[in-house]
Amino acid sequence: MCGFFYGDEELTEEEIDEIILEAAIRIRKYGMEMPAIMALESFKPLMFVGGEMARLTLSPFFPIFGANVDLWGQKLIHVFEEKENVDKLITLLEKMSTGEYEEEKAEEAPEEDPVEEKQ
């Protein structure tokens, strides 16, 4: 399990896998699997530094867009600071682009946007 930036909350492995799957589905939705794989492979050695820079420069602006965006953004930064999670995302994107990934799993993912405000 990983510690999480937001207080004493911790992300479980299931939550981390859900975040990775959601990111892969969003990337696939726009047909950007190959450019995303190339970018992730290129920046993988600097992901931790990039995560810290994102916390410094982007995190102060997340609350402006609502609590859900703030929490989702913090979780994304935290999850993708770790190289093994980036490797999981790359592997998942490669499987999706070659058709090896079962479409049923992608369809089981929640349809609602975790970033949207719930009223």
PDB file of N, CA and C in Angstrom:
ATOM      1  N   MET A   1       0.827  -1.175   0.000  1.00  0.00           N
ATOM      2  CA  MET A   1       0.000   0.000   0.000  1.00  0.00           C
ATOM      3  C   MET A   1       0.879   1.250   0.000  1.00  0.00           C
ATOM      4  N   CYS A   2       0.317   2.293  -0.519  1.00  0.00           N
ATOM      5  CA  CYS A   2       1.053   3.530  -0.634  1.00  0.00           C
ATOM      6  C   CYS A   2       0.454   4.574   0.287  1.00  0.00           C
ATOM      7  N   GLY A   3       1.293   5.424   0.845  1.00  0.00           N
ATOM      8  CA  GLY A   3       0.780   6.570   1.577  1.00  0.00           C
ATOM      9  C   GLY A   3       0.218   7.567   0.592  1.00  0.00           C
ATOM     10  N   PHE A   4      -0.663   8.405   1.061  1.00  0.00           N
ATOM     11  CA  PHE A   4      -1.298   9.356   0.158  1.00  0.00           C
ATOM     12  C   PHE A   4      -1.122  10.754   0.710  1.00  0.00           C
ATOM     13  N   PHE A   5      -0.932  11.709  -0.138  1.00  0.00           N
ATOM     14  CA  PHE A   5      -0.640  13.086   0.207  1.00  0.00           C
ATOM     15  C   PHE A   5      -1.731  13.730   1.040  1.00  0.00           C
ATOM     16  N   TYR A   6      -2.953  13.355   0.862  1.00  0.00           N
ATOM     17  CA  TYR A   6      -4.097  13.982   1.502  1.00  0.00           C
ATOM     18  C   TYR A   6      -4.311  13.422   2.890  1.00  0.00           C
ATOM     19  N   GLY A   7      -3.692  13.977   3.898  1.00  0.00           N
ATOM     20  CA  GLY A   7      -3.918  13.544   5.263  1.00  0.00           C
ATOM     21  C   GLY A   7      -3.385  12.151   5.523  1.00  0.00           C
ATOM     22  N   ASP A   8      -4.130  11.393   6.298  1.00  0.00           N
ATOM     23  CA  ASP A   8      -3.714  10.036   6.666  1.00  0.00           C
ATOM     24  C   ASP A   8      -4.291   8.982   5.742  1.00  0.00           C
ATOM     25  N   GLU A   9      -4.979   9.401   4.704  1.00  0.00           N
ATOM     26  CA  GLU A   9      -5.626   8.471   3.785  1.00  0.00           C
ATOM     27  C   GLU A   9      -4.574   7.664   3.022  1.00  0.00           C
ATOM     28  N   GLU A  10      -4.887   6.404   2.767  1.00  0.00           N
ATOM     29  CA  GLU A  10      -3.997   5.553   1.991  1.00  0.00           C
ATOM     30  C   GLU A  10      -4.742   5.005   0.787  1.00  0.00           C
ATOM     31  N   LEU A  11      -4.023   4.833  -0.294  1.00  0.00           N
ATOM     32  CA  LEU A  11      -4.602   4.227  -1.487  1.00  0.00           C
ATOM     33  C   LEU A  11      -4.306   2.733  -1.467  1.00  0.00           C
ATOM     34  N   THR A  12      -5.327   1.931  -1.684  1.00  0.00           N
ATOM     35  CA  THR A  12      -5.120   0.487  -1.764  1.00  0.00           C
ATOM     36  C   THR A  12      -4.660   0.140  -3.173  1.00  0.00           C
ATOM     37  N   GLU A  13      -4.198  -1.083  -3.335  1.00  0.00           N
ATOM     38  CA  GLU A  13      -3.774  -1.538  -4.660  1.00  0.00           C
ATOM     39  C   GLU A  13      -4.939  -1.526  -5.639  1.00  0.00           C
ATOM     40  N   GLU A  14      -6.148  -1.842  -5.151  1.00  0.00           N
ATOM     41  CA  GLU A  14      -7.329  -1.821  -6.011  1.00  0.00           C
ATOM     42  C   GLU A  14      -7.620  -0.402  -6.506  1.00  0.00           C
ATOM     43  N   GLU A  15      -7.495   0.577  -5.606  1.00  0.00           N
ATOM     44  CA  GLU A  15      -7.724   1.973  -5.994  1.00  0.00           C
ATOM     45  C   GLU A  15      -6.683   2.429  -7.010  1.00  0.00           C
ATOM     46  N   ILE A  16      -5.455   2.026  -6.806  1.00  0.00           N
ATOM     47  CA  ILE A  16      -4.391   2.389  -7.742  1.00  0.00           C
ATOM     48  C   ILE A  16      -4.669   1.776  -9.107  1.00  0.00           C
ATOM     49  N   ASP A  17      -5.078   0.507  -9.133  1.00  0.00           N
ATOM     50  CA  ASP A  17      -5.404  -0.148 -10.407  1.00  0.00           C
ATOM     51  C   ASP A  17      -6.588   0.522 -11.092  1.00  0.00           C
ATOM     52  N   GLU A  18      -7.585   0.960 -10.313  1.00  0.00           N
ATOM     53  CA  GLU A  18      -8.736   1.666 -10.889  1.00  0.00           C
ATOM     54  C   GLU A  18      -8.315   2.989 -11.517  1.00  0.00           C
ATOM     55  N   ILE A  19      -7.408   3.700 -10.860  1.00  0.00           N
ATOM     56  CA  ILE A  19      -6.925   4.976 -11.393  1.00  0.00           C
ATOM     57  C   ILE A  19      -6.150   4.747 -12.684  1.00  0.00           C
ATOM     58  N   ILE A  20      -5.311   3.715 -12.708  1.00  0.00           N
ATOM     59  CA  ILE A  20      -4.546   3.390 -13.907  1.00  0.00           C
ATOM     60  C   ILE A  20      -5.485   3.002 -15.050  1.00  0.00           C
ATOM     61  N   LEU A  21      -6.500   2.190 -14.750  1.00  0.00           N
ATOM     62  CA  LEU A  21      -7.471   1.792 -15.766  1.00  0.00           C
ATOM     63  C   LEU A  21      -8.239   3.000 -16.293  1.00  0.00           C
ATOM     64  N   GLU A  22      -8.662   3.880 -15.405  1.00  0.00           N
ATOM     65  CA  GLU A  22      -9.391   5.082 -15.826  1.00  0.00           C
ATOM     66  C   GLU A  22      -8.520   5.964 -16.729  1.00  0.00           C
ATOM     67  N   ALA A  23      -7.249   6.108 -16.378  1.00  0.00           N
ATOM     68  CA  ALA A  23      -6.340   6.895 -17.217  1.00  0.00           C
ATOM     69  C   ALA A  23      -6.186   6.251 -18.591  1.00  0.00           C
ATOM     70  N   ALA A  24      -6.039   4.926 -18.633  1.00  0.00           N
ATOM     71  CA  ALA A  24      -5.890   4.222 -19.907  1.00  0.00           C
ATOM     72  C   ALA A  24      -7.148   4.356 -20.761  1.00  0.00           C
ATOM     73  N   ILE A  25      -8.307   4.258 -20.142  1.00  0.00           N
ATOM     74  CA  ILE A  25      -9.565   4.389 -20.886  1.00  0.00           C
ATOM     75  C   ILE A  25      -9.690   5.789 -21.482  1.00  0.00           C
ATOM     76  N   ARG A  26      -9.319   6.798 -20.708  1.00  0.00           N
ATOM     77  CA  ARG A  26      -9.390   8.176 -21.221  1.00  0.00           C
ATOM     78  C   ARG A  26      -8.405   8.387 -22.374  1.00  0.00           C
ATOM     79  N   ILE A  27      -7.215   7.829 -22.250  1.00  0.00           N
ATOM     80  CA  ILE A  27      -6.233   7.952 -23.328  1.00  0.00           C
ATOM     81  C   ILE A  27      -6.746   7.252 -24.580  1.00  0.00           C
ATOM     82  N   ARG A  28      -7.316   6.066 -24.402  1.00  0.00           N
ATOM     83  CA  ARG A  28      -7.835   5.309 -25.550  1.00  0.00           C
ATOM     84  C   ARG A  28      -9.035   6.006 -26.186  1.00  0.00           C
ATOM     85  N   LYS A  29      -9.838   6.644 -25.378  1.00  0.00           N
ATOM     86  CA  LYS A  29     -11.025   7.351 -25.875  1.00  0.00           C
ATOM     87  C   LYS A  29     -10.652   8.360 -26.957  1.00  0.00           C
ATOM     88  N   TYR A  30      -9.499   8.977 -26.818  1.00  0.00           N
ATOM     89  CA  TYR A  30      -9.042   9.966 -27.789  1.00  0.00           C
ATOM     90  C   TYR A  30      -8.077   9.395 -28.816  1.00  0.00           C
ATOM     91  N   GLY A  31      -7.841   8.080 -28.782  1.00  0.00           N
ATOM     92  CA  GLY A  31      -6.972   7.438 -29.761  1.00  0.00           C
ATOM     93  C   GLY A  31      -5.509   7.837 -29.626  1.00  0.00           C
ATOM     94  N   MET A  32      -5.082   8.073 -28.398  1.00  0.00           N
ATOM     95  CA  MET A  32      -3.719   8.561 -28.169  1.00  0.00           C
ATOM     96  C   MET A  32      -2.818   7.523 -27.498  1.00  0.00           C
ATOM     97  N   GLU A  33      -3.081   6.248 -27.745  1.00  0.00           N
ATOM     98  CA  GLU A  33      -2.305   5.207 -27.078  1.00  0.00           C
ATOM     99  C   GLU A  33      -0.816   5.291 -27.417  1.00  0.00           C
ATOM    100  N   MET A  34      -0.497   5.324 -28.710  1.00  0.00           N
ATOM    101  CA  MET A  34       0.917   5.315 -29.111  1.00  0.00           C
ATOM    102  C   MET A  34       1.656   6.591 -28.686  1.00  0.00           C
ATOM    103  N   PRO A  35       1.094   7.788 -28.900  1.00  0.00           N
ATOM    104  CA  PRO A  35       1.797   8.980 -28.401  1.00  0.00           C
ATOM    105  C   PRO A  35       1.963   8.964 -26.878  1.00  0.00           C
ATOM    106  N   ALA A  36       0.966   8.438 -26.156  1.00  0.00           N
ATOM    107  CA  ALA A  36       1.065   8.365 -24.702  1.00  0.00           C
ATOM    108  C   ALA A  36       2.159   7.393 -24.284  1.00  0.00           C
ATOM    109  N   ILE A  37       2.247   6.242 -24.963  1.00  0.00           N
ATOM    110  CA  ILE A  37       3.292   5.261 -24.638  1.00  0.00           C
ATOM    111  C   ILE A  37       4.670   5.872 -24.873  1.00  0.00           C
ATOM    112  N   MET A  38       4.828   6.556 -26.003  1.00  0.00           N
ATOM    113  CA  MET A  38       6.126   7.176 -26.307  1.00  0.00           C
ATOM    114  C   MET A  38       6.483   8.236 -25.268  1.00  0.00           C
ATOM    115  N   ALA A  39       5.512   9.069 -24.883  1.00  0.00           N
ATOM    116  CA  ALA A  39       5.775  10.113 -23.894  1.00  0.00           C
ATOM    117  C   ALA A  39       6.092   9.506 -22.529  1.00  0.00           C
ATOM    118  N   LEU A  40       5.327   8.502 -22.130  1.00  0.00           N
ATOM    119  CA  LEU A  40       5.568   7.875 -20.830  1.00  0.00           C
ATOM    120  C   LEU A  40       6.928   7.191 -20.773  1.00  0.00           C
ATOM    121  N   GLU A  41       7.301   6.494 -21.850  1.00  0.00           N
ATOM    122  CA  GLU A  41       8.628   5.857 -21.890  1.00  0.00           C
ATOM    123  C   GLU A  41       9.738   6.907 -21.819  1.00  0.00           C
ATOM    124  N   SER A  42       9.535   8.032 -22.478  1.00  0.00           N
ATOM    125  CA  SER A  42      10.550   9.085 -22.493  1.00  0.00           C
ATOM    126  C   SER A  42      10.719   9.741 -21.131  1.00  0.00           C
ATOM    127  N   PHE A  43       9.600   9.972 -20.457  1.00  0.00           N
ATOM    128  CA  PHE A  43       9.642  10.722 -19.198  1.00  0.00           C
ATOM    129  C   PHE A  43       9.698   9.843 -17.959  1.00  0.00           C
ATOM    130  N   LYS A  44       9.679   8.524 -18.145  1.00  0.00           N
ATOM    131  CA  LYS A  44       9.649   7.611 -17.004  1.00  0.00           C
ATOM    132  C   LYS A  44      10.774   7.862 -15.995  1.00  0.00           C
ATOM    133  N   PRO A  45      12.006   8.122 -16.425  1.00  0.00           N
ATOM    134  CA  PRO A  45      13.054   8.362 -15.427  1.00  0.00           C
ATOM    135  C   PRO A  45      12.831   9.625 -14.589  1.00  0.00           C
ATOM    136  N   LEU A  46      12.028  10.558 -15.087  1.00  0.00           N
ATOM    137  CA  LEU A  46      11.811  11.813 -14.375  1.00  0.00           C
ATOM    138  C   LEU A  46      10.428  11.922 -13.748  1.00  0.00           C
ATOM    139  N   MET A  47       9.693  10.819 -13.651  1.00  0.00           N
ATOM    140  CA  MET A  47       8.323  10.889 -13.161  1.00  0.00           C
ATOM    141  C   MET A  47       8.237  11.398 -11.726  1.00  0.00           C
ATOM    142  N   PHE A  48       9.148  11.000 -10.865  1.00  0.00           N
ATOM    143  CA  PHE A  48       9.090  11.461  -9.481  1.00  0.00           C
ATOM    144  C   PHE A  48       9.306  12.968  -9.414  1.00  0.00           C
ATOM    145  N   VAL A  49      10.309  13.439 -10.132  1.00  0.00           N
ATOM    146  CA  VAL A  49      10.582  14.878 -10.154  1.00  0.00           C
ATOM    147  C   VAL A  49       9.396  15.632 -10.760  1.00  0.00           C
ATOM    148  N   GLY A  50       8.824  15.069 -11.823  1.00  0.00           N
ATOM    149  CA  GLY A  50       7.655  15.686 -12.445  1.00  0.00           C
ATOM    150  C   GLY A  50       6.471  15.738 -11.499  1.00  0.00           C
ATOM    151  N   GLY A  51       6.287  14.684 -10.713  1.00  0.00           N
ATOM    152  CA  GLY A  51       5.207  14.657  -9.733  1.00  0.00           C
ATOM    153  C   GLY A  51       5.373  15.729  -8.674  1.00  0.00           C
ATOM    154  N   GLU A  52       6.599  15.897  -8.214  1.00  0.00           N
ATOM    155  CA  GLU A  52       6.858  16.940  -7.221  1.00  0.00           C
ATOM    156  C   GLU A  52       6.649  18.333  -7.818  1.00  0.00           C
ATOM    157  N   MET A  53       7.048  18.501  -9.069  1.00  0.00           N
ATOM    158  CA  MET A  53       6.829  19.789  -9.738  1.00  0.00           C
ATOM    159  C   MET A  53       5.336  20.047  -9.931  1.00  0.00           C
ATOM    160  N   ALA A  54       4.574  19.012 -10.246  1.00  0.00           N
ATOM    161  CA  ALA A  54       3.127  19.160 -10.403  1.00  0.00           C
ATOM    162  C   ALA A  54       2.486  19.540  -9.072  1.00  0.00           C
ATOM    163  N   ARG A  55       2.963  18.931  -7.997  1.00  0.00           N
ATOM    164  CA  ARG A  55       2.440  19.305  -6.669  1.00  0.00           C
ATOM    165  C   ARG A  55       2.715  20.769  -6.376  1.00  0.00           C
ATOM    166  N   LEU A  56       3.869  21.225  -6.764  1.00  0.00           N
ATOM    167  CA  LEU A  56       4.254  22.610  -6.483  1.00  0.00           C
ATOM    168  C   LEU A  56       3.505  23.601  -7.369  1.00  0.00           C
ATOM    169  N   THR A  57       3.350  23.268  -8.649  1.00  0.00           N
ATOM    170  CA  THR A  57       2.788  24.251  -9.581  1.00  0.00           C
ATOM    171  C   THR A  57       1.295  24.075  -9.849  1.00  0.00           C
ATOM    172  N   LEU A  58       0.792  22.840  -9.903  1.00  0.00           N
ATOM    173  CA  LEU A  58      -0.607  22.609 -10.247  1.00  0.00           C
ATOM    174  C   LEU A  58      -1.528  22.464  -9.043  1.00  0.00           C
ATOM    175  N   SER A  59      -1.043  21.825  -7.990  1.00  0.00           N
ATOM    176  CA  SER A  59      -1.897  21.544  -6.834  1.00  0.00           C
ATOM    177  C   SER A  59      -2.598  22.766  -6.250  1.00  0.00           C
ATOM    178  N   PRO A  60      -1.957  23.914  -6.191  1.00  0.00           N
ATOM    179  CA  PRO A  60      -2.675  25.071  -5.638  1.00  0.00           C
ATOM    180  C   PRO A  60      -3.905  25.474  -6.454  1.00  0.00           C
ATOM    181  N   PHE A  61      -3.967  25.088  -7.718  1.00  0.00           N
ATOM    182  CA  PHE A  61      -5.085  25.478  -8.567  1.00  0.00           C
ATOM    183  C   PHE A  61      -6.205  24.438  -8.616  1.00  0.00           C
ATOM    184  N   PHE A  62      -5.966  23.222  -8.141  1.00  0.00           N
ATOM    185  CA  PHE A  62      -6.994  22.181  -8.161  1.00  0.00           C
ATOM    186  C   PHE A  62      -8.258  22.578  -7.401  1.00  0.00           C
ATOM    187  N   PRO A  63      -8.161  23.154  -6.198  1.00  0.00           N
ATOM    188  CA  PRO A  63      -9.384  23.475  -5.447  1.00  0.00           C
ATOM    189  C   PRO A  63     -10.305  24.472  -6.159  1.00  0.00           C
ATOM    190  N   ILE A  64      -9.773  25.250  -7.055  1.00  0.00           N
ATOM    191  CA  ILE A  64     -10.597  26.204  -7.792  1.00  0.00           C
ATOM    192  C   ILE A  64     -11.677  25.479  -8.581  1.00  0.00           C
ATOM    193  N   PHE A  65     -11.371  24.296  -9.070  1.00  0.00           N
ATOM    194  CA  PHE A  65     -12.293  23.531  -9.902  1.00  0.00           C
ATOM    195  C   PHE A  65     -13.184  22.594  -9.099  1.00  0.00           C
ATOM    196  N   GLY A  66     -13.056  22.603  -7.796  1.00  0.00           N
ATOM    197  CA  GLY A  66     -13.919  21.795  -6.941  1.00  0.00           C
ATOM    198  C   GLY A  66     -13.153  20.727  -6.189  1.00  0.00           C
ATOM    199  N   ALA A  67     -13.800  20.189  -5.179  1.00  0.00           N
ATOM    200  CA  ALA A  67     -13.168  19.187  -4.314  1.00  0.00           C
ATOM    201  C   ALA A  67     -12.858  17.904  -5.068  1.00  0.00           C
ATOM    202  N   ASN A  68     -13.734  17.508  -6.006  1.00  0.00           N
ATOM    203  CA  ASN A  68     -13.499  16.268  -6.749  1.00  0.00           C
ATOM    204  C   ASN A  68     -12.262  16.377  -7.631  1.00  0.00           C
ATOM    205  N   VAL A  69     -12.083  17.516  -8.285  1.00  0.00           N
ATOM    206  CA  VAL A  69     -10.902  17.719  -9.135  1.00  0.00           C
ATOM    207  C   VAL A  69      -9.653  17.748  -8.267  1.00  0.00           C
ATOM    208  N   ASP A  70      -9.749  18.390  -7.122  1.00  0.00           N
ATOM    209  CA  ASP A  70      -8.611  18.469  -6.211  1.00  0.00           C
ATOM    210  C   ASP A  70      -8.178  17.077  -5.773  1.00  0.00           C
ATOM    211  N   LEU A  71      -9.117  16.269  -5.315  1.00  0.00           N
ATOM    212  CA  LEU A  71      -8.797  14.926  -4.851  1.00  0.00           C
ATOM    213  C   LEU A  71      -8.291  14.046  -5.991  1.00  0.00           C
ATOM    214  N   TRP A  72      -8.973  14.092  -7.152  1.00  0.00           N
ATOM    215  CA  TRP A  72      -8.576  13.289  -8.311  1.00  0.00           C
ATOM    216  C   TRP A  72      -7.176  13.681  -8.783  1.00  0.00           C
ATOM    217  N   GLY A  73      -6.891  14.966  -8.849  1.00  0.00           N
ATOM    218  CA  GLY A  73      -5.576  15.434  -9.276  1.00  0.00           C
ATOM    219  C   GLY A  73      -4.476  14.979  -8.337  1.00  0.00           C
ATOM    220  N   GLN A  74      -4.739  15.069  -7.027  1.00  0.00           N
ATOM    221  CA  GLN A  74      -3.747  14.619  -6.051  1.00  0.00           C
ATOM    222  C   GLN A  74      -3.485  13.121  -6.184  1.00  0.00           C
ATOM    223  N   LYS A  75      -4.555  12.364  -6.410  1.00  0.00           N
ATOM    224  CA  LYS A  75      -4.389  10.911  -6.568  1.00  0.00           C
ATOM    225  C   LYS A  75      -3.588  10.590  -7.825  1.00  0.00           C
ATOM    226  N   LEU A  76      -3.880  11.277  -8.936  1.00  0.00           N
ATOM    227  CA  LEU A  76      -3.131  11.033 -10.174  1.00  0.00           C
ATOM    228  C   LEU A  76      -1.650  11.326 -10.001  1.00  0.00           C
ATOM    229  N   ILE A  77      -1.358  12.455  -9.385  1.00  0.00           N
ATOM    230  CA  ILE A  77       0.045  12.818  -9.163  1.00  0.00           C
ATOM    231  C   ILE A  77       0.721  11.751  -8.316  1.00  0.00           C
ATOM    232  N   HIS A  78       0.064  11.344  -7.252  1.00  0.00           N
ATOM    233  CA  HIS A  78       0.654  10.353  -6.350  1.00  0.00           C
ATOM    234  C   HIS A  78       0.881   9.009  -7.042  1.00  0.00           C
ATOM    235  N   VAL A  79      -0.102   8.548  -7.777  1.00  0.00           N
ATOM    236  CA  VAL A  79      -0.013   7.228  -8.412  1.00  0.00           C
ATOM    237  C   VAL A  79       1.089   7.204  -9.468  1.00  0.00           C
ATOM    238  N   PHE A  80       1.161   8.242 -10.298  1.00  0.00           N
ATOM    239  CA  PHE A  80       2.099   8.192 -11.416  1.00  0.00           C
ATOM    240  C   PHE A  80       3.493   8.719 -11.075  1.00  0.00           C
ATOM    241  N   GLU A  81       3.749   9.008  -9.809  1.00  0.00           N
ATOM    242  CA  GLU A  81       5.120   9.290  -9.377  1.00  0.00           C
ATOM    243  C   GLU A  81       5.939   8.004  -9.301  1.00  0.00           C
ATOM    244  N   GLU A  82       5.272   6.888  -9.134  1.00  0.00           N
ATOM    245  CA  GLU A  82       5.963   5.611  -8.977  1.00  0.00           C
ATOM    246  C   GLU A  82       6.136   4.932 -10.333  1.00  0.00           C
ATOM    247  N   LYS A  83       7.352   4.521 -10.628  1.00  0.00           N
ATOM    248  CA  LYS A  83       7.674   3.946 -11.935  1.00  0.00           C
ATOM    249  C   LYS A  83       6.898   2.670 -12.232  1.00  0.00           C
ATOM    250  N   GLU A  84       6.643   1.843 -11.209  1.00  0.00           N
ATOM    251  CA  GLU A  84       5.909   0.602 -11.477  1.00  0.00           C
ATOM    252  C   GLU A  84       4.477   0.885 -11.928  1.00  0.00           C
ATOM    253  N   ASN A  85       3.889   1.971 -11.446  1.00  0.00           N
ATOM    254  CA  ASN A  85       2.542   2.332 -11.905  1.00  0.00           C
ATOM    255  C   ASN A  85       2.563   2.855 -13.333  1.00  0.00           C
ATOM    256  N   VAL A  86       3.619   3.559 -13.686  1.00  0.00           N
ATOM    257  CA  VAL A  86       3.771   4.022 -15.067  1.00  0.00           C
ATOM    258  C   VAL A  86       3.956   2.817 -15.981  1.00  0.00           C
ATOM    259  N   ASP A  87       4.726   1.830 -15.523  1.00  0.00           N
ATOM    260  CA  ASP A  87       4.901   0.600 -16.307  1.00  0.00           C
ATOM    261  C   ASP A  87       3.572  -0.137 -16.489  1.00  0.00           C
ATOM    262  N   LYS A  88       2.753  -0.165 -15.436  1.00  0.00           N
ATOM    263  CA  LYS A  88       1.430  -0.797 -15.548  1.00  0.00           C
ATOM    264  C   LYS A  88       0.578  -0.085 -16.591  1.00  0.00           C
ATOM    265  N   LEU A  89       0.619   1.245 -16.585  1.00  0.00           N
ATOM    266  CA  LEU A  89      -0.160   2.016 -17.558  1.00  0.00           C
ATOM    267  C   LEU A  89       0.342   1.755 -18.974  1.00  0.00           C
ATOM    268  N   ILE A  90       1.657   1.727 -19.163  1.00  0.00           N
ATOM    269  CA  ILE A  90       2.218   1.463 -20.487  1.00  0.00           C
ATOM    270  C   ILE A  90       1.809   0.076 -20.974  1.00  0.00           C
ATOM    271  N   THR A  91       1.902  -0.928 -20.100  1.00  0.00           N
ATOM    272  CA  THR A  91       1.514  -2.292 -20.466  1.00  0.00           C
ATOM    273  C   THR A  91       0.038  -2.352 -20.832  1.00  0.00           C
ATOM    274  N   LEU A  92      -0.803  -1.689 -20.056  1.00  0.00           N
ATOM    275  CA  LEU A  92      -2.235  -1.681 -20.332  1.00  0.00           C
ATOM    276  C   LEU A  92      -2.539  -0.988 -21.657  1.00  0.00           C
ATOM    277  N   LEU A  93      -1.865   0.123 -21.934  1.00  0.00           N
ATOM    278  CA  LEU A  93      -2.064   0.826 -23.205  1.00  0.00           C
ATOM    279  C   LEU A  93      -1.604  -0.022 -24.384  1.00  0.00           C
ATOM    280  N   GLU A  94      -0.488  -0.745 -24.220  1.00  0.00           N
ATOM    281  CA  GLU A  94      -0.010  -1.626 -25.291  1.00  0.00           C
ATOM    282  C   GLU A  94      -1.018  -2.736 -25.564  1.00  0.00           C
ATOM    283  N   LYS A  95      -1.575  -3.322 -24.500  1.00  0.00           N
ATOM    284  CA  LYS A  95      -2.584  -4.371 -24.685  1.00  0.00           C
ATOM    285  C   LYS A  95      -3.830  -3.814 -25.354  1.00  0.00           C
ATOM    286  N   MET A  96      -4.232  -2.614 -24.969  1.00  0.00           N
ATOM    287  CA  MET A  96      -5.420  -2.002 -25.576  1.00  0.00           C
ATOM    288  C   MET A  96      -5.198  -1.702 -27.051  1.00  0.00           C
ATOM    289  N   SER A  97      -4.009  -1.236 -27.392  1.00  0.00           N
ATOM    290  CA  SER A  97      -3.753  -0.865 -28.780  1.00  0.00           C
ATOM    291  C   SER A  97      -3.612  -2.080 -29.696  1.00  0.00           C
ATOM    292  N   THR A  98      -3.185  -3.221 -29.147  1.00  0.00           N
ATOM    293  CA  THR A  98      -3.056  -4.429 -29.964  1.00  0.00           C
ATOM    294  C   THR A  98      -4.297  -5.306 -29.907  1.00  0.00           C
ATOM    295  N   GLY A  99      -5.250  -4.952 -29.050  1.00  0.00           N
ATOM    296  CA  GLY A  99      -6.482  -5.724 -28.946  1.00  0.00           C
ATOM    297  C   GLY A  99      -6.392  -6.889 -27.990  1.00  0.00           C
ATOM    298  N   GLU A 100      -5.322  -7.011 -27.232  1.00  0.00           N
ATOM    299  CA  GLU A 100      -5.173  -8.107 -26.277  1.00  0.00           C
ATOM    300  C   GLU A 100      -6.007  -7.898 -25.025  1.00  0.00           C
ATOM    301  N   TYR A 101      -6.318  -6.674 -24.728  1.00  0.00           N
ATOM    302  CA  TYR A 101      -7.087  -6.362 -23.519  1.00  0.00           C
ATOM    303  C   TYR A 101      -8.554  -6.664 -23.745  1.00  0.00           C
ATOM    304  N   GLU A 102      -9.179  -7.344 -22.800  1.00  0.00           N
ATOM    305  CA  GLU A 102     -10.592  -7.679 -22.939  1.00  0.00           C
ATOM    306  C   GLU A 102     -11.426  -6.419 -22.820  1.00  0.00           C
ATOM    307  N   GLU A 103     -12.280  -6.205 -23.790  1.00  0.00           N
ATOM    308  CA  GLU A 103     -13.132  -5.023 -23.815  1.00  0.00           C
ATOM    309  C   GLU A 103     -14.116  -5.007 -22.656  1.00  0.00           C
ATOM    310  N   GLU A 104     -14.462  -6.198 -22.129  1.00  0.00           N
ATOM    311  CA  GLU A 104     -15.422  -6.250 -21.033  1.00  0.00           C
ATOM    312  C   GLU A 104     -14.896  -5.519 -19.818  1.00  0.00           C
ATOM    313  N   LYS A 105     -13.601  -5.641 -19.539  1.00  0.00           N
ATOM    314  CA  LYS A 105     -13.033  -4.963 -18.383  1.00  0.00           C
ATOM    315  C   LYS A 105     -13.144  -3.456 -18.542  1.00  0.00           C
ATOM    316  N   ALA A 106     -12.902  -2.968 -19.748  1.00  0.00           N
ATOM    317  CA  ALA A 106     -12.996  -1.528 -19.983  1.00  0.00           C
ATOM    318  C   ALA A 106     -14.437  -1.060 -19.855  1.00  0.00           C
ATOM    319  N   GLU A 107     -15.388  -1.907 -20.255  1.00  0.00           N
ATOM    320  CA  GLU A 107     -16.787  -1.525 -20.161  1.00  0.00           C
ATOM    321  C   GLU A 107     -17.287  -1.573 -18.730  1.00  0.00           C
ATOM    322  N   GLU A 108     -16.660  -2.379 -17.874  1.00  0.00           N
ATOM    323  CA  GLU A 108     -17.060  -2.456 -16.479  1.00  0.00           C
ATOM    324  C   GLU A 108     -16.629  -1.231 -15.703  1.00  0.00           C
ATOM    325  N   ALA A 109     -15.698  -0.462 -16.231  1.00  0.00           N
ATOM    326  CA  ALA A 109     -15.231   0.734 -15.545  1.00  0.00           C
ATOM    327  C   ALA A 109     -16.383   1.718 -15.405  1.00  0.00           C
ATOM    328  N   PRO A 110     -16.384   2.499 -14.351  1.00  0.00           N
ATOM    329  CA  PRO A 110     -17.488   3.426 -14.133  1.00  0.00           C
ATOM    330  C   PRO A 110     -17.605   4.445 -15.250  1.00  0.00           C
ATOM    331  N   GLU A 111     -18.829   4.691 -15.667  1.00  0.00           N
ATOM    332  CA  GLU A 111     -19.089   5.638 -16.750  1.00  0.00           C
ATOM    333  C   GLU A 111     -18.992   7.079 -16.280  1.00  0.00           C
ATOM    334  N   GLU A 112     -19.260   7.309 -14.987  1.00  0.00           N
ATOM    335  CA  GLU A 112     -19.273   8.680 -14.514  1.00  0.00           C
ATOM    336  C   GLU A 112     -17.857   9.228 -14.453  1.00  0.00           C
ATOM    337  N   ASP A 113     -17.750  10.500 -14.642  1.00  0.00           N
ATOM    338  CA  ASP A 113     -16.459  11.171 -14.641  1.00  0.00           C
ATOM    339  C   ASP A 113     -16.108  11.535 -13.188  1.00  0.00           C
ATOM    340  N   PRO A 114     -15.015  10.997 -12.628  1.00  0.00           N
ATOM    341  CA  PRO A 114     -14.688  11.284 -11.237  1.00  0.00           C
ATOM    342  C   PRO A 114     -14.325  12.750 -11.013  1.00  0.00           C
ATOM    343  N   VAL A 115     -14.055  13.462 -12.086  1.00  0.00           N
ATOM    344  CA  VAL A 115     -13.677  14.863 -11.960  1.00  0.00           C
ATOM    345  C   VAL A 115     -14.904  15.757 -11.868  1.00  0.00           C
ATOM    346  N   GLU A 116     -16.024  15.312 -12.428  1.00  0.00           N
ATOM    347  CA  GLU A 116     -17.231  16.141 -12.442  1.00  0.00           C
ATOM    348  C   GLU A 116     -17.775  16.293 -11.029  1.00  0.00           C
ATOM    349  N   GLU A 117     -18.317  17.460 -10.762  1.00  0.00           N
ATOM    350  CA  GLU A 117     -18.950  17.734  -9.470  1.00  0.00           C
ATOM    351  C   GLU A 117     -20.241  16.942  -9.343  1.00  0.00           C
ATOM    352  N   LYS A 118     -20.462  16.354  -8.194  1.00  0.00           N
ATOM    353  CA  LYS A 118     -21.724  15.668  -7.936  1.00  0.00           C
ATOM    354  C   LYS A 118     -22.616  16.640  -7.176  1.00  0.00           C
ATOM    355  N   GLN A 119     -23.877  16.696  -7.584  1.00  0.00           N
ATOM    356  CA  GLN A 119     -24.786  17.663  -6.952  1.00  0.00           C
ATOM    357  C   GLN A 119     -25.849  16.985  -6.166  1.00  0.00           C
TER     358      GLN A 119
END
